[in-house]
């Protein structure tokens, strides 16, 4: 399991990433790249929105 520290509403919290979540997230990112939602080195605003929406839908929960 991997963790990273992120800031949410001014507070530092740990994000917990296991292999399953990492695989889901990477798969969704790849789909958005193939759809053209990363025209350069960054995802478009719409691309990130779709990534977040699809990630939460896939895991069945909100992930802050």
PDB file of N, CA and C in Angstrom:
ATOM      1  N   UNK A   1       0.851  -1.168   0.000  1.00  0.00           N
ATOM      2  CA  UNK A   1       0.000   0.000   0.000  1.00  0.00           C
ATOM      3  C   UNK A   1       0.897   1.231   0.000  1.00  0.00           C
ATOM      4  N   UNK A   2       0.492   2.218  -0.745  1.00  0.00           N
ATOM      5  CA  UNK A   2       1.238   3.462  -0.851  1.00  0.00           C
ATOM      6  C   UNK A   2       0.414   4.586  -0.252  1.00  0.00           C
ATOM      7  N   UNK A   3       1.090   5.540   0.367  1.00  0.00           N
ATOM      8  CA  UNK A   3       0.391   6.702   0.892  1.00  0.00           C
ATOM      9  C   UNK A   3       1.047   7.962   0.355  1.00  0.00           C
ATOM     10  N   UNK A   4       0.273   8.998   0.262  1.00  0.00           N
ATOM     11  CA  UNK A   4       0.804  10.308  -0.087  1.00  0.00           C
ATOM     12  C   UNK A   4       0.056  11.338   0.736  1.00  0.00           C
ATOM     13  N   UNK A   5       0.729  12.418   1.058  1.00  0.00           N
ATOM     14  CA  UNK A   5       0.106  13.469   1.854  1.00  0.00           C
ATOM     15  C   UNK A   5      -0.478  14.503   0.906  1.00  0.00           C
ATOM     16  N   UNK A   6      -1.743  14.822   1.121  1.00  0.00           N
ATOM     17  CA  UNK A   6      -2.425  15.833   0.321  1.00  0.00           C
ATOM     18  C   UNK A   6      -3.056  16.849   1.266  1.00  0.00           C
ATOM     19  N   UNK A   7      -3.350  18.024   0.739  1.00  0.00           N
ATOM     20  CA  UNK A   7      -3.982  19.052   1.558  1.00  0.00           C
ATOM     21  C   UNK A   7      -5.445  19.175   1.179  1.00  0.00           C
ATOM     22  N   UNK A   8      -6.324  19.065   2.170  1.00  0.00           N
ATOM     23  CA  UNK A   8      -7.765  19.181   1.968  1.00  0.00           C
ATOM     24  C   UNK A   8      -8.270  20.228   2.946  1.00  0.00           C
ATOM     25  N   UNK A   9      -8.835  21.301   2.408  1.00  0.00           N
ATOM     26  CA  UNK A   9      -9.352  22.399   3.237  1.00  0.00           C
ATOM     27  C   UNK A   9      -8.323  22.899   4.251  1.00  0.00           C
ATOM     28  N   UNK A  10      -7.077  23.023   3.808  1.00  0.00           N
ATOM     29  CA  UNK A  10      -6.024  23.535   4.666  1.00  0.00           C
ATOM     30  C   UNK A  10      -5.422  22.517   5.621  1.00  0.00           C
ATOM     31  N   UNK A  11      -5.934  21.295   5.634  1.00  0.00           N
ATOM     32  CA  UNK A  11      -5.414  20.245   6.507  1.00  0.00           C
ATOM     33  C   UNK A  11      -4.656  19.214   5.697  1.00  0.00           C
ATOM     34  N   UNK A  12      -3.547  18.734   6.225  1.00  0.00           N
ATOM     35  CA  UNK A  12      -2.800  17.685   5.544  1.00  0.00           C
ATOM     36  C   UNK A  12      -3.354  16.330   5.971  1.00  0.00           C
ATOM     37  N   UNK A  13      -3.721  15.520   4.983  1.00  0.00           N
ATOM     38  CA  UNK A  13      -4.255  14.183   5.242  1.00  0.00           C
ATOM     39  C   UNK A  13      -3.542  13.177   4.353  1.00  0.00           C
ATOM     40  N   UNK A  14      -3.524  11.935   4.780  1.00  0.00           N
ATOM     41  CA  UNK A  14      -2.892  10.885   3.993  1.00  0.00           C
ATOM     42  C   UNK A  14      -3.901  10.245   3.057  1.00  0.00           C
ATOM     43  N   UNK A  15      -3.513  10.113   1.805  1.00  0.00           N
ATOM     44  CA  UNK A  15      -4.317   9.384   0.828  1.00  0.00           C
ATOM     45  C   UNK A  15      -3.773   7.957   0.786  1.00  0.00           C
ATOM     46  N   UNK A  16      -4.647   6.985   0.914  1.00  0.00           N
ATOM     47  CA  UNK A  16      -4.229   5.578   0.924  1.00  0.00           C
ATOM     48  C   UNK A  16      -4.462   4.960  -0.451  1.00  0.00           C
ATOM     49  N   UNK A  17      -3.399   4.486  -1.077  1.00  0.00           N
ATOM     50  CA  UNK A  17      -3.475   3.906  -2.409  1.00  0.00           C
ATOM     51  C   UNK A  17      -2.977   2.471  -2.365  1.00  0.00           C
ATOM     52  N   UNK A  18      -3.892   1.519  -2.560  1.00  0.00           N
ATOM     53  CA  UNK A  18      -3.462   0.130  -2.682  1.00  0.00           C
ATOM     54  C   UNK A  18      -3.382  -0.205  -4.176  1.00  0.00           C
ATOM     55  N   UNK A  19      -2.989  -1.426  -4.482  1.00  0.00           N
ATOM     56  CA  UNK A  19      -2.829  -1.815  -5.890  1.00  0.00           C
ATOM     57  C   UNK A  19      -4.132  -1.696  -6.668  1.00  0.00           C
ATOM     58  N   UNK A  20      -5.239  -2.048  -6.037  1.00  0.00           N
ATOM     59  CA  UNK A  20      -6.535  -2.001  -6.708  1.00  0.00           C
ATOM     60  C   UNK A  20      -6.890  -0.573  -7.110  1.00  0.00           C
ATOM     61  N   UNK A  21      -6.773   0.372  -6.164  1.00  0.00           N
ATOM     62  CA  UNK A  21      -7.107   1.758  -6.459  1.00  0.00           C
ATOM     63  C   UNK A  21      -6.174   2.346  -7.508  1.00  0.00           C
ATOM     64  N   UNK A  22      -4.893   2.006  -7.417  1.00  0.00           N
ATOM     65  CA  UNK A  22      -3.923   2.499  -8.392  1.00  0.00           C
ATOM     66  C   UNK A  22      -4.253   1.990  -9.791  1.00  0.00           C
ATOM     67  N   UNK A  23      -4.619   0.716  -9.891  1.00  0.00           N
ATOM     68  CA  UNK A  23      -4.960   0.129 -11.190  1.00  0.00           C
ATOM     69  C   UNK A  23      -6.213   0.782 -11.779  1.00  0.00           C
ATOM     70  N   UNK A  24      -7.222   1.012 -10.948  1.00  0.00           N
ATOM     71  CA  UNK A  24      -8.452   1.656 -11.393  1.00  0.00           C
ATOM     72  C   UNK A  24      -8.150   3.068 -11.885  1.00  0.00           C
ATOM     73  N   UNK A  25      -7.396   3.838 -11.086  1.00  0.00           N
ATOM     74  CA  UNK A  25      -7.078   5.215 -11.444  1.00  0.00           C
ATOM     75  C   UNK A  25      -6.288   5.287 -12.749  1.00  0.00           C
ATOM     76  N   UNK A  26      -5.275   4.451 -12.886  1.00  0.00           N
ATOM     77  CA  UNK A  26      -4.463   4.457 -14.108  1.00  0.00           C
ATOM     78  C   UNK A  26      -5.291   4.069 -15.330  1.00  0.00           C
ATOM     79  N   UNK A  27      -6.176   3.098 -15.181  1.00  0.00           N
ATOM     80  CA  UNK A  27      -7.030   2.683 -16.288  1.00  0.00           C
ATOM     81  C   UNK A  27      -7.938   3.801 -16.753  1.00  0.00           C
ATOM     82  N   UNK A  28      -8.499   4.534 -15.814  1.00  0.00           N
ATOM     83  CA  UNK A  28      -9.376   5.657 -16.151  1.00  0.00           C
ATOM     84  C   UNK A  28      -8.563   6.758 -16.836  1.00  0.00           C
ATOM     85  N   UNK A  29      -7.368   7.033 -16.332  1.00  0.00           N
ATOM     86  CA  UNK A  29      -6.514   8.054 -16.954  1.00  0.00           C
ATOM     87  C   UNK A  29      -6.166   7.675 -18.390  1.00  0.00           C
ATOM     88  N   UNK A  30      -5.849   6.419 -18.624  1.00  0.00           N
ATOM     89  CA  UNK A  30      -5.523   5.959 -19.975  1.00  0.00           C
ATOM     90  C   UNK A  30      -6.711   6.167 -20.914  1.00  0.00           C
ATOM     91  N   UNK A  31      -7.910   5.834 -20.439  1.00  0.00           N
ATOM     92  CA  UNK A  31      -9.109   6.036 -21.270  1.00  0.00           C
ATOM     93  C   UNK A  31      -9.281   7.506 -21.638  1.00  0.00           C
ATOM     94  N   UNK A  32      -9.036   8.409 -20.680  1.00  0.00           N
ATOM     95  CA  UNK A  32      -9.187   9.836 -20.957  1.00  0.00           C
ATOM     96  C   UNK A  32      -8.105  10.336 -21.911  1.00  0.00           C
ATOM     97  N   UNK A  33      -6.912   9.787 -21.826  1.00  0.00           N
ATOM     98  CA  UNK A  33      -5.848  10.139 -22.767  1.00  0.00           C
ATOM     99  C   UNK A  33      -6.255   9.723 -24.178  1.00  0.00           C
ATOM    100  N   UNK A  34      -6.773   8.509 -24.299  1.00  0.00           N
ATOM    101  CA  UNK A  34      -7.184   8.008 -25.616  1.00  0.00           C
ATOM    102  C   UNK A  34      -8.356   8.795 -26.201  1.00  0.00           C
ATOM    103  N   UNK A  35      -9.175   9.401 -25.329  1.00  0.00           N
ATOM    104  CA  UNK A  35     -10.293  10.228 -25.785  1.00  0.00           C
ATOM    105  C   UNK A  35      -9.841  11.635 -26.165  1.00  0.00           C
ATOM    106  N   UNK A  36      -8.565  11.941 -25.950  1.00  0.00           N
ATOM    107  CA  UNK A  36      -8.046  13.259 -26.299  1.00  0.00           C
ATOM    108  C   UNK A  36      -8.149  14.297 -25.198  1.00  0.00           C
ATOM    109  N   UNK A  37      -8.397  13.871 -23.976  1.00  0.00           N
ATOM    110  CA  UNK A  37      -8.543  14.801 -22.864  1.00  0.00           C
ATOM    111  C   UNK A  37      -7.219  15.131 -22.173  1.00  0.00           C
ATOM    112  N   UNK A  38      -6.121  14.787 -22.824  1.00  0.00           N
ATOM    113  CA  UNK A  38      -4.791  15.204 -22.378  1.00  0.00           C
ATOM    114  C   UNK A  38      -3.991  15.559 -23.625  1.00  0.00           C
ATOM    115  N   UNK A  39      -4.252  16.731 -24.184  1.00  0.00           N
ATOM    116  CA  UNK A  39      -3.645  17.110 -25.455  1.00  0.00           C
ATOM    117  C   UNK A  39      -2.140  17.366 -25.381  1.00  0.00           C
ATOM    118  N   UNK A  40      -1.628  17.651 -24.210  1.00  0.00           N
ATOM    119  CA  UNK A  40      -0.199  17.900 -24.034  1.00  0.00           C
ATOM    120  C   UNK A  40       0.309  17.107 -22.853  1.00  0.00           C
ATOM    121  N   UNK A  41       0.823  17.820 -21.861  1.00  0.00           N
ATOM    122  CA  UNK A  41       1.354  17.155 -20.672  1.00  0.00           C
ATOM    123  C   UNK A  41       0.378  17.149 -19.505  1.00  0.00           C
ATOM    124  N   UNK A  42      -0.786  17.791 -19.676  1.00  0.00           N
ATOM    125  CA  UNK A  42      -1.765  17.885 -18.595  1.00  0.00           C
ATOM    126  C   UNK A  42      -3.157  17.511 -19.106  1.00  0.00           C
ATOM    127  N   UNK A  43      -3.969  16.993 -18.192  1.00  0.00           N
ATOM    128  CA  UNK A  43      -5.361  16.717 -18.540  1.00  0.00           C
ATOM    129  C   UNK A  43      -6.126  18.030 -18.648  1.00  0.00           C
ATOM    130  N   UNK A  44      -7.129  18.042 -19.512  1.00  0.00           N
ATOM    131  CA  UNK A  44      -8.004  19.202 -19.597  1.00  0.00           C
ATOM    132  C   UNK A  44      -8.886  19.249 -18.355  1.00  0.00           C
ATOM    133  N   UNK A  45      -9.535  20.375 -18.144  1.00  0.00           N
ATOM    134  CA  UNK A  45     -10.452  20.509 -17.010  1.00  0.00           C
ATOM    135  C   UNK A  45     -11.547  19.443 -17.091  1.00  0.00           C
ATOM    136  N   UNK A  46     -12.086  19.255 -18.284  1.00  0.00           N
ATOM    137  CA  UNK A  46     -13.118  18.237 -18.493  1.00  0.00           C
ATOM    138  C   UNK A  46     -12.557  16.833 -18.261  1.00  0.00           C
ATOM    139  N   UNK A  47     -11.330  16.620 -18.678  1.00  0.00           N
ATOM    140  CA  UNK A  47     -10.691  15.318 -18.473  1.00  0.00           C
ATOM    141  C   UNK A  47     -10.572  14.970 -17.000  1.00  0.00           C
ATOM    142  N   UNK A  48     -10.138  15.952 -16.173  1.00  0.00           N
ATOM    143  CA  UNK A  48     -10.017  15.713 -14.738  1.00  0.00           C
ATOM    144  C   UNK A  48     -11.379  15.466 -14.101  1.00  0.00           C
ATOM    145  N   UNK A  49     -12.375  16.213 -14.540  1.00  0.00           N
ATOM    146  CA  UNK A  49     -13.722  16.008 -14.006  1.00  0.00           C
ATOM    147  C   UNK A  49     -14.197  14.589 -14.293  1.00  0.00           C
ATOM    148  N   UNK A  50     -13.960  14.113 -15.517  1.00  0.00           N
ATOM    149  CA  UNK A  50     -14.352  12.745 -15.874  1.00  0.00           C
ATOM    150  C   UNK A  50     -13.558  11.716 -15.092  1.00  0.00           C
ATOM    151  N   UNK A  51     -12.271  11.981 -14.871  1.00  0.00           N
ATOM    152  CA  UNK A  51     -11.443  11.058 -14.084  1.00  0.00           C
ATOM    153  C   UNK A  51     -12.010  10.934 -12.671  1.00  0.00           C
ATOM    154  N   UNK A  52     -12.268  12.076 -12.035  1.00  0.00           N
ATOM    155  CA  UNK A  52     -12.792  12.047 -10.664  1.00  0.00           C
ATOM    156  C   UNK A  52     -14.147  11.353 -10.600  1.00  0.00           C
ATOM    157  N   UNK A  53     -15.044  11.696 -11.531  1.00  0.00           N
ATOM    158  CA  UNK A  53     -16.384  11.118 -11.548  1.00  0.00           C
ATOM    159  C   UNK A  53     -16.328   9.610 -11.768  1.00  0.00           C
ATOM    160  N   UNK A  54     -15.563   9.184 -12.752  1.00  0.00           N
ATOM    161  CA  UNK A  54     -15.475   7.754 -13.057  1.00  0.00           C
ATOM    162  C   UNK A  54     -14.753   6.972 -11.968  1.00  0.00           C
ATOM    163  N   UNK A  55     -13.766   7.587 -11.327  1.00  0.00           N
ATOM    164  CA  UNK A  55     -13.060   6.915 -10.229  1.00  0.00           C
ATOM    165  C   UNK A  55     -14.014   6.653  -9.074  1.00  0.00           C
ATOM    166  N   UNK A  56     -14.758   7.679  -8.689  1.00  0.00           N
ATOM    167  CA  UNK A  56     -15.707   7.510  -7.592  1.00  0.00           C
ATOM    168  C   UNK A  56     -16.795   6.509  -7.951  1.00  0.00           C
ATOM    169  N   UNK A  57     -17.243   6.536  -9.201  1.00  0.00           N
ATOM    170  CA  UNK A  57     -18.257   5.584  -9.653  1.00  0.00           C
ATOM    171  C   UNK A  57     -17.700   4.151  -9.601  1.00  0.00           C
ATOM    172  N   UNK A  58     -16.459   3.998 -10.025  1.00  0.00           N
ATOM    173  CA  UNK A  58     -15.825   2.675 -10.064  1.00  0.00           C
ATOM    174  C   UNK A  58     -15.599   2.086  -8.678  1.00  0.00           C
ATOM    175  N   UNK A  59     -15.172   2.937  -7.722  1.00  0.00           N
ATOM    176  CA  UNK A  59     -14.909   2.408  -6.391  1.00  0.00           C
ATOM    177  C   UNK A  59     -16.155   2.419  -5.507  1.00  0.00           C
ATOM    178  N   UNK A  60     -17.221   3.094  -5.986  1.00  0.00           N
ATOM    179  CA  UNK A  60     -18.475   3.096  -5.247  1.00  0.00           C
ATOM    180  C   UNK A  60     -18.475   3.983  -4.022  1.00  0.00           C
ATOM    181  N   UNK A  61     -17.633   5.031  -4.041  1.00  0.00           N
ATOM    182  CA  UNK A  61     -17.541   5.904  -2.878  1.00  0.00           C
ATOM    183  C   UNK A  61     -16.885   7.209  -3.292  1.00  0.00           C
ATOM    184  N   UNK A  62     -17.081   8.256  -2.488  1.00  0.00           N
ATOM    185  CA  UNK A  62     -16.373   9.516  -2.723  1.00  0.00           C
ATOM    186  C   UNK A  62     -14.945   9.358  -2.246  1.00  0.00           C
ATOM    187  N   UNK A  63     -14.026   9.932  -2.996  1.00  0.00           N
ATOM    188  CA  UNK A  63     -12.623   9.893  -2.604  1.00  0.00           C
ATOM    189  C   UNK A  63     -12.110  11.312  -2.671  1.00  0.00           C
ATOM    190  N   UNK A  64     -11.910  11.949  -1.524  1.00  0.00           N
ATOM    191  CA  UNK A  64     -11.560  13.353  -1.438  1.00  0.00           C
ATOM    192  C   UNK A  64     -10.237  13.743  -2.039  1.00  0.00           C
TER     193      UNK A  64
END
